[in-house]
Amino acid sequence: MHQSLRARVPAVSADLLRALDEPGEALAPAALAIARIEYPALDAAPYLHRLQRMGETAAVRLQRQSDAALQPRIAALNAYLYEELGFSGNRAQYDDSRNSFLNEVLDRRKGIPISLAVIYLAVGRSAGLHLEGVNFPGHFLIRAFSEREPDELIVDPFHSGALLSEVDCRQLLRQHLGEDAAFDPALLATATRQQIVVRMLVNLKRIYVRMRSFPQARFVADLLLAVDPSALSELRDRGLLAYHMEDFAAALRDLEAYLRLMPREESEEQEDHAAGQENGEEEPSESSQIWEHVKALRRRVAGFN
């Protein structure tokens, strides 16, 4: 099982990067590439065709609102997606990994904020709406705007397309980050396609780690590094996942690279922590723990040679 997953990493990485290099902002091809982690034989074409048909139907619905303000057109899209088609946020099984795979979300019509947002963005844009993703902490959102109107709308794809005020956003932030979380309008900045895909992958990796599905989590870390080779935290995590799987040589490569590439000030801080530890002065820092792992791995790998 582990080896078959490893063997599929290059092909899925290539599919994902190809989708991210396509012109425009379409997310569905990248989301369906990610789904091949769990569904290796997945044919994306029928799902892309389904989204296209949904977009065409939504366009007909919205034509009846062609002269209306933005809010009635959003209401028409919401009625189509959530009332007519029955999409909904999967509150009962939020951490089900199927909520992260676009094929499953389209088939089951249940998902989490970001996977439902992929569908909302695809269908809404096809219907002629101006929509953007918003990488809001803890809960992915959508911005709708119009060239004719100064106001923008913040849409919650998880809660049936509910419109959120700034007060709602502040409350949502506190719900996810705690009562002391400070709201900043910059938290509602537009997310790029790459940022959205990275967030989808990070969510999925977290679910797999919680499930102790380490081979799949490592697969996701591979994809994250393919999308952003400079992501040091993903290099660290991939090394730790390899360590859990007792792939000690791969773990050593990644963790040594992580320590080598770590910014100099962090590296010096790690050395200070290590020295303080030896004197019994400080609790171990994350980087000093990684260094301890590296030393143990060097001994193990040397023993195998």
Protein backbone atom coordinates (compact mmCIF):
# COMPACT_ATOMS: atom_id res chain seq x y z
CA MET A 1 0.00 0.00 0.00
CA HIS A 2 2.72 2.47 0.99
CA GLN A 3 4.77 1.74 -2.11
CA SER A 4 1.78 2.07 -4.44
CA LEU A 5 1.05 5.50 -2.94
CA ARG A 6 4.67 6.58 -3.37
CA ALA A 7 4.63 5.41 -6.98
CA ARG A 8 1.63 7.65 -7.74
CA VAL A 9 3.11 10.86 -6.34
CA PRO A 10 4.85 12.04 -9.57
CA ALA A 11 1.76 11.60 -11.77
CA VAL A 12 -0.61 13.32 -9.33
CA SER A 13 1.91 16.13 -8.75
CA ALA A 14 2.20 16.65 -12.51
CA ASP A 15 -1.62 16.75 -12.88
CA LEU A 16 -1.91 19.25 -10.05
CA LEU A 17 0.81 21.55 -11.40
CA ARG A 18 -0.71 21.35 -14.88
CA ALA A 19 -4.08 22.42 -13.46
CA LEU A 20 -2.47 25.32 -11.60
CA ASP A 21 -0.74 26.45 -14.81
CA GLU A 22 -3.97 26.62 -16.81
CA PRO A 23 -5.08 30.12 -17.81
CA GLY A 24 -7.76 31.71 -15.66
CA GLU A 25 -8.76 30.92 -12.09
CA ALA A 26 -10.57 27.57 -12.45
CA LEU A 27 -10.16 25.47 -9.32
CA ALA A 28 -12.04 22.29 -10.21
CA PRO A 29 -9.24 20.65 -12.27
CA ALA A 30 -6.79 21.10 -9.38
CA ALA A 31 -9.35 19.88 -6.84
CA LEU A 32 -9.99 16.76 -8.92
CA ALA A 33 -6.24 16.15 -9.22
CA ILE A 34 -6.06 16.18 -5.41
CA ALA A 35 -8.88 13.63 -5.29
CA ARG A 36 -6.61 11.14 -7.07
CA ILE A 37 -4.82 10.63 -3.75
CA GLU A 38 -7.78 8.52 -2.70
CA TYR A 39 -9.26 7.68 -6.13
CA PRO A 40 -6.34 6.83 -8.43
CA ALA A 41 -8.53 5.87 -11.39
CA LEU A 42 -10.71 8.99 -11.15
CA ASP A 43 -11.77 10.41 -14.52
CA ALA A 44 -12.12 14.16 -14.05
CA ALA A 45 -13.99 14.78 -17.32
CA PRO A 46 -17.52 13.77 -16.17
CA TYR A 47 -17.23 15.98 -13.08
CA LEU A 48 -15.97 18.95 -15.07
CA HIS A 49 -18.83 18.41 -17.52
CA ARG A 50 -21.32 18.28 -14.62
CA LEU A 51 -20.01 21.59 -13.28
CA GLN A 52 -20.30 23.08 -16.76
CA ARG A 53 -23.95 21.98 -17.03
CA MET A 54 -24.65 23.36 -13.55
CA GLY A 55 -23.12 26.67 -14.61
CA GLU A 56 -25.29 26.78 -17.73
CA THR A 57 -28.44 26.09 -15.70
CA ALA A 58 -27.46 28.73 -13.13
CA ALA A 59 -26.94 31.23 -15.95
CA VAL A 60 -30.55 30.68 -17.06
CA ARG A 61 -31.75 31.20 -13.48
CA LEU A 62 -29.76 34.41 -13.17
CA GLN A 63 -30.92 35.77 -16.54
CA ARG A 64 -34.28 36.39 -14.86
CA GLN A 65 -32.36 38.71 -12.51
CA SER A 66 -30.23 40.31 -15.22
CA ASP A 67 -31.24 43.88 -14.32
CA ALA A 68 -31.30 43.23 -10.57
CA ALA A 69 -28.76 44.31 -8.00
CA LEU A 70 -26.08 41.90 -6.85
CA GLN A 71 -27.90 40.57 -3.79
CA PRO A 72 -30.94 39.16 -5.68
CA ARG A 73 -28.59 37.44 -8.14
CA ILE A 74 -26.68 35.84 -5.28
CA ALA A 75 -30.02 34.77 -3.80
CA ALA A 76 -30.94 33.14 -7.12
CA LEU A 77 -27.64 31.23 -7.20
CA ASN A 78 -28.13 30.15 -3.58
CA ALA A 79 -31.64 28.91 -4.34
CA TYR A 80 -30.30 26.82 -7.23
CA LEU A 81 -27.33 25.29 -5.38
CA TYR A 82 -28.74 24.80 -1.90
CA GLU A 83 -32.50 24.43 -2.38
CA GLU A 84 -32.81 22.90 -5.83
CA LEU A 85 -29.65 20.77 -5.91
CA GLY A 86 -29.44 20.22 -2.16
CA PHE A 87 -25.81 21.09 -1.43
CA SER A 88 -25.11 21.62 2.27
CA GLY A 89 -22.33 21.91 4.81
CA ASN A 90 -21.58 18.55 6.41
CA ARG A 91 -21.91 19.61 10.04
CA ALA A 92 -22.48 16.07 11.35
CA GLN A 93 -19.28 14.63 9.82
CA TYR A 94 -17.13 17.71 9.33
CA ASP A 95 -13.82 15.78 9.55
CA ASP A 96 -14.82 13.08 7.06
CA SER A 97 -12.05 13.07 4.44
CA ARG A 98 -14.66 12.74 1.68
CA ASN A 99 -15.63 16.36 2.35
CA SER A 100 -12.26 17.34 0.87
CA PHE A 101 -12.58 15.47 -2.45
CA LEU A 102 -14.51 17.32 -5.15
CA ASN A 103 -15.87 14.15 -6.78
CA GLU A 104 -17.37 13.06 -3.46
CA VAL A 105 -18.75 16.52 -2.71
CA LEU A 106 -20.45 16.60 -6.11
CA ASP A 107 -21.83 13.07 -5.66
CA ARG A 108 -22.92 13.39 -2.02
CA ARG A 109 -23.69 17.13 -2.14
CA LYS A 110 -22.03 17.63 1.23
CA GLY A 111 -18.75 19.33 2.00
CA ILE A 112 -16.72 21.74 4.08
CA PRO A 113 -16.44 25.49 3.39
CA ILE A 114 -13.54 25.29 0.94
CA SER A 115 -14.80 22.34 -1.10
CA LEU A 116 -18.27 23.88 -1.36
CA ALA A 117 -16.58 27.14 -2.34
CA VAL A 118 -14.90 25.42 -5.30
CA ILE A 119 -18.35 24.46 -6.60
CA TYR A 120 -19.86 27.86 -5.77
CA LEU A 121 -17.06 29.70 -7.57
CA ALA A 122 -17.22 27.43 -10.64
CA VAL A 123 -20.99 27.61 -11.03
CA GLY A 124 -21.33 31.27 -10.10
CA ARG A 125 -18.58 32.43 -12.44
CA SER A 126 -20.10 30.39 -15.29
CA ALA A 127 -23.38 32.17 -14.59
CA GLY A 128 -21.71 35.55 -15.00
CA LEU A 129 -21.09 36.57 -11.38
CA HIS A 130 -17.84 38.16 -10.23
CA LEU A 131 -16.65 35.95 -7.38
CA GLU A 132 -13.38 35.53 -5.49
CA GLY A 133 -12.19 33.20 -2.77
CA VAL A 134 -11.38 34.63 0.67
CA ASN A 135 -8.83 32.79 2.84
CA PHE A 136 -10.54 33.75 6.10
CA PRO A 137 -9.01 32.05 9.17
CA GLY A 138 -10.78 28.84 10.09
CA HIS A 139 -13.63 29.20 7.60
CA PHE A 140 -13.24 29.77 3.86
CA LEU A 141 -15.51 32.50 2.42
CA ILE A 142 -16.39 34.03 -0.95
CA ARG A 143 -16.55 37.65 -2.07
CA ALA A 144 -19.14 38.73 -4.64
CA PHE A 145 -18.84 42.10 -6.34
CA SER A 146 -20.32 44.00 -9.25
CA GLU A 147 -18.85 46.50 -11.65
CA ARG A 148 -22.08 48.51 -11.30
CA GLU A 149 -22.22 48.64 -7.50
CA PRO A 150 -19.69 49.93 -4.94
CA ASP A 151 -20.62 47.42 -2.24
CA GLU A 152 -19.29 43.88 -2.00
CA LEU A 153 -20.96 40.87 -0.42
CA ILE A 154 -19.26 38.24 1.73
CA VAL A 155 -20.83 34.83 1.17
CA ASP A 156 -20.57 31.76 3.41
CA PRO A 157 -20.68 28.69 1.11
CA PHE A 158 -20.97 26.33 4.09
CA HIS A 159 -24.15 27.90 5.46
CA SER A 160 -26.27 27.90 2.29
CA GLY A 161 -24.67 31.05 0.87
CA ALA A 162 -25.51 33.24 3.87
CA LEU A 163 -24.40 36.87 3.54
CA LEU A 164 -22.05 38.00 6.30
CA SER A 165 -21.67 41.50 7.67
CA GLU A 166 -18.44 42.73 9.24
CA VAL A 167 -19.98 41.97 12.65
CA ASP A 168 -20.66 38.40 11.47
CA CYS A 169 -17.05 38.08 10.30
CA ARG A 170 -15.76 39.31 13.64
CA GLN A 171 -17.91 36.75 15.43
CA LEU A 172 -16.77 34.00 13.06
CA LEU A 173 -13.14 34.90 13.73
CA ARG A 174 -13.64 34.70 17.50
CA GLN A 175 -15.42 31.38 17.07
CA HIS A 176 -12.37 29.88 15.34
CA LEU A 177 -9.47 31.73 16.97
CA GLY A 178 -10.81 32.64 20.40
CA GLU A 179 -12.42 35.64 22.03
CA ASP A 180 -9.22 37.69 21.95
CA ALA A 181 -8.78 37.39 18.17
CA ALA A 182 -8.44 40.83 16.58
CA PHE A 183 -10.34 41.42 13.35
CA ASP A 184 -8.48 43.07 10.48
CA PRO A 185 -10.09 43.84 7.08
CA ALA A 186 -6.95 42.33 5.53
CA LEU A 187 -8.31 38.93 6.64
CA LEU A 188 -10.86 39.35 3.85
CA ALA A 189 -8.21 39.72 1.14
CA THR A 190 -8.64 37.83 -2.12
CA ALA A 191 -7.05 34.39 -2.19
CA THR A 192 -5.13 33.31 -5.30
CA ARG A 193 -5.76 29.95 -6.90
CA GLN A 194 -2.49 28.61 -5.49
CA GLN A 195 -3.36 29.81 -1.98
CA ILE A 196 -6.73 28.07 -2.19
CA VAL A 197 -5.17 24.80 -3.36
CA VAL A 198 -2.56 24.98 -0.59
CA ARG A 199 -5.32 25.48 1.98
CA MET A 200 -7.23 22.48 0.59
CA LEU A 201 -4.10 20.35 0.90
CA VAL A 202 -3.24 21.56 4.41
CA ASN A 203 -6.81 20.78 5.55
CA LEU A 204 -6.56 17.30 4.05
CA LYS A 205 -3.16 16.63 5.60
CA ARG A 206 -4.51 17.61 9.02
CA ILE A 207 -7.41 15.17 8.62
CA TYR A 208 -5.10 12.33 7.59
CA VAL A 209 -2.76 12.97 10.53
CA ARG A 210 -5.73 12.97 12.90
CA MET A 211 -6.77 9.62 11.38
CA ARG A 212 -3.16 8.41 11.69
CA SER A 213 -3.20 7.77 7.95
CA PHE A 214 0.46 8.72 7.69
CA PRO A 215 1.14 7.42 4.14
CA GLN A 216 -1.70 9.56 2.77
CA ALA A 217 -0.58 12.54 4.86
CA ARG A 218 2.91 12.15 3.43
CA PHE A 219 1.42 12.05 -0.08
CA VAL A 220 -0.27 15.40 0.65
CA ALA A 221 3.02 16.82 1.95
CA ASP A 222 4.62 15.78 -1.35
CA LEU A 223 1.94 17.69 -3.24
CA LEU A 224 2.38 20.76 -1.04
CA LEU A 225 6.10 20.76 -1.78
CA ALA A 226 5.40 20.32 -5.49
CA VAL A 227 3.17 23.41 -5.38
CA ASP A 228 5.60 25.39 -3.22
CA PRO A 229 9.12 23.89 -3.00
CA SER A 230 10.13 26.65 -0.53
CA ALA A 231 7.57 25.57 2.10
CA LEU A 232 9.96 24.63 4.91
CA SER A 233 7.19 23.60 7.29
CA GLU A 234 6.04 21.00 4.74
CA LEU A 235 9.58 19.68 4.37
CA ARG A 236 9.70 19.29 8.16
CA ASP A 237 6.29 17.62 8.26
CA ARG A 238 7.16 15.22 5.45
CA GLY A 239 10.29 14.23 7.34
CA LEU A 240 8.34 13.65 10.55
CA LEU A 241 5.74 11.60 8.68
CA ALA A 242 8.50 9.47 7.15
CA TYR A 243 9.90 9.02 10.67
CA HIS A 244 6.50 7.78 11.89
CA MET A 245 6.47 5.31 8.99
CA GLU A 246 10.01 4.13 9.86
CA ASP A 247 11.36 5.31 6.51
CA PHE A 248 14.42 6.55 8.33
CA ALA A 249 16.60 7.43 5.33
CA ALA A 250 13.88 9.66 3.82
CA ALA A 251 13.16 11.19 7.22
CA LEU A 252 16.83 12.02 7.69
CA ARG A 253 17.08 13.65 4.23
CA ASP A 254 14.09 15.90 4.84
CA LEU A 255 14.90 16.88 8.42
CA GLU A 256 18.55 17.60 7.63
CA ALA A 257 17.42 19.73 4.70
CA TYR A 258 14.93 21.51 6.94
CA LEU A 259 17.62 22.42 9.48
CA ARG A 260 20.03 23.43 6.73
CA LEU A 261 17.50 25.71 5.01
CA MET A 262 16.05 27.20 8.18
CA PRO A 263 16.67 30.98 8.44
CA ARG A 264 19.93 31.73 10.22
CA GLU A 265 18.34 33.47 13.20
CA GLU A 266 16.11 30.45 13.83
CA SER A 267 19.08 28.13 13.49
CA GLU A 268 21.04 30.16 16.05
CA GLU A 269 18.02 30.17 18.36
CA GLN A 270 17.86 26.38 18.02
CA GLU A 271 21.53 26.10 19.03
CA ASP A 272 20.91 28.33 22.06
CA HIS A 273 17.94 26.17 23.05
CA ALA A 274 20.02 23.03 22.71
CA ALA A 275 22.73 24.49 24.91
CA GLY A 276 20.17 25.63 27.47
CA GLN A 277 18.64 22.18 27.48
CA GLU A 278 21.95 20.54 28.24
CA ASN A 279 22.27 22.86 31.24
CA GLY A 280 18.70 22.08 32.29
CA GLU A 281 17.70 25.69 31.77
CA GLU A 282 15.05 25.56 29.06
CA GLU A 283 12.23 23.51 27.67
CA PRO A 284 13.11 22.01 24.27
CA SER A 285 12.13 24.16 21.28
CA GLU A 286 10.62 22.64 18.14
CA SER A 287 13.86 23.06 16.20
CA SER A 288 15.96 21.50 18.96
CA GLN A 289 13.55 18.55 18.97
CA ILE A 290 14.09 18.21 15.22
CA TRP A 291 17.84 18.27 15.84
CA GLU A 292 17.45 15.44 18.36
CA HIS A 293 15.47 13.48 15.79
CA VAL A 294 18.25 14.04 13.24
CA LYS A 295 20.92 12.78 15.61
CA ALA A 296 18.87 9.66 16.38
CA LEU A 297 18.21 9.09 12.68
CA ARG A 298 21.90 9.42 11.83
CA ARG A 299 22.67 6.68 14.32
CA ARG A 300 19.92 4.46 12.91
CA VAL A 301 20.86 4.99 9.27
CA ALA A 302 24.54 4.46 10.04
CA GLY A 303 23.62 1.17 11.71
CA PHE A 304 21.92 -0.02 8.51
CA ASN A 305 25.03 0.58 6.39
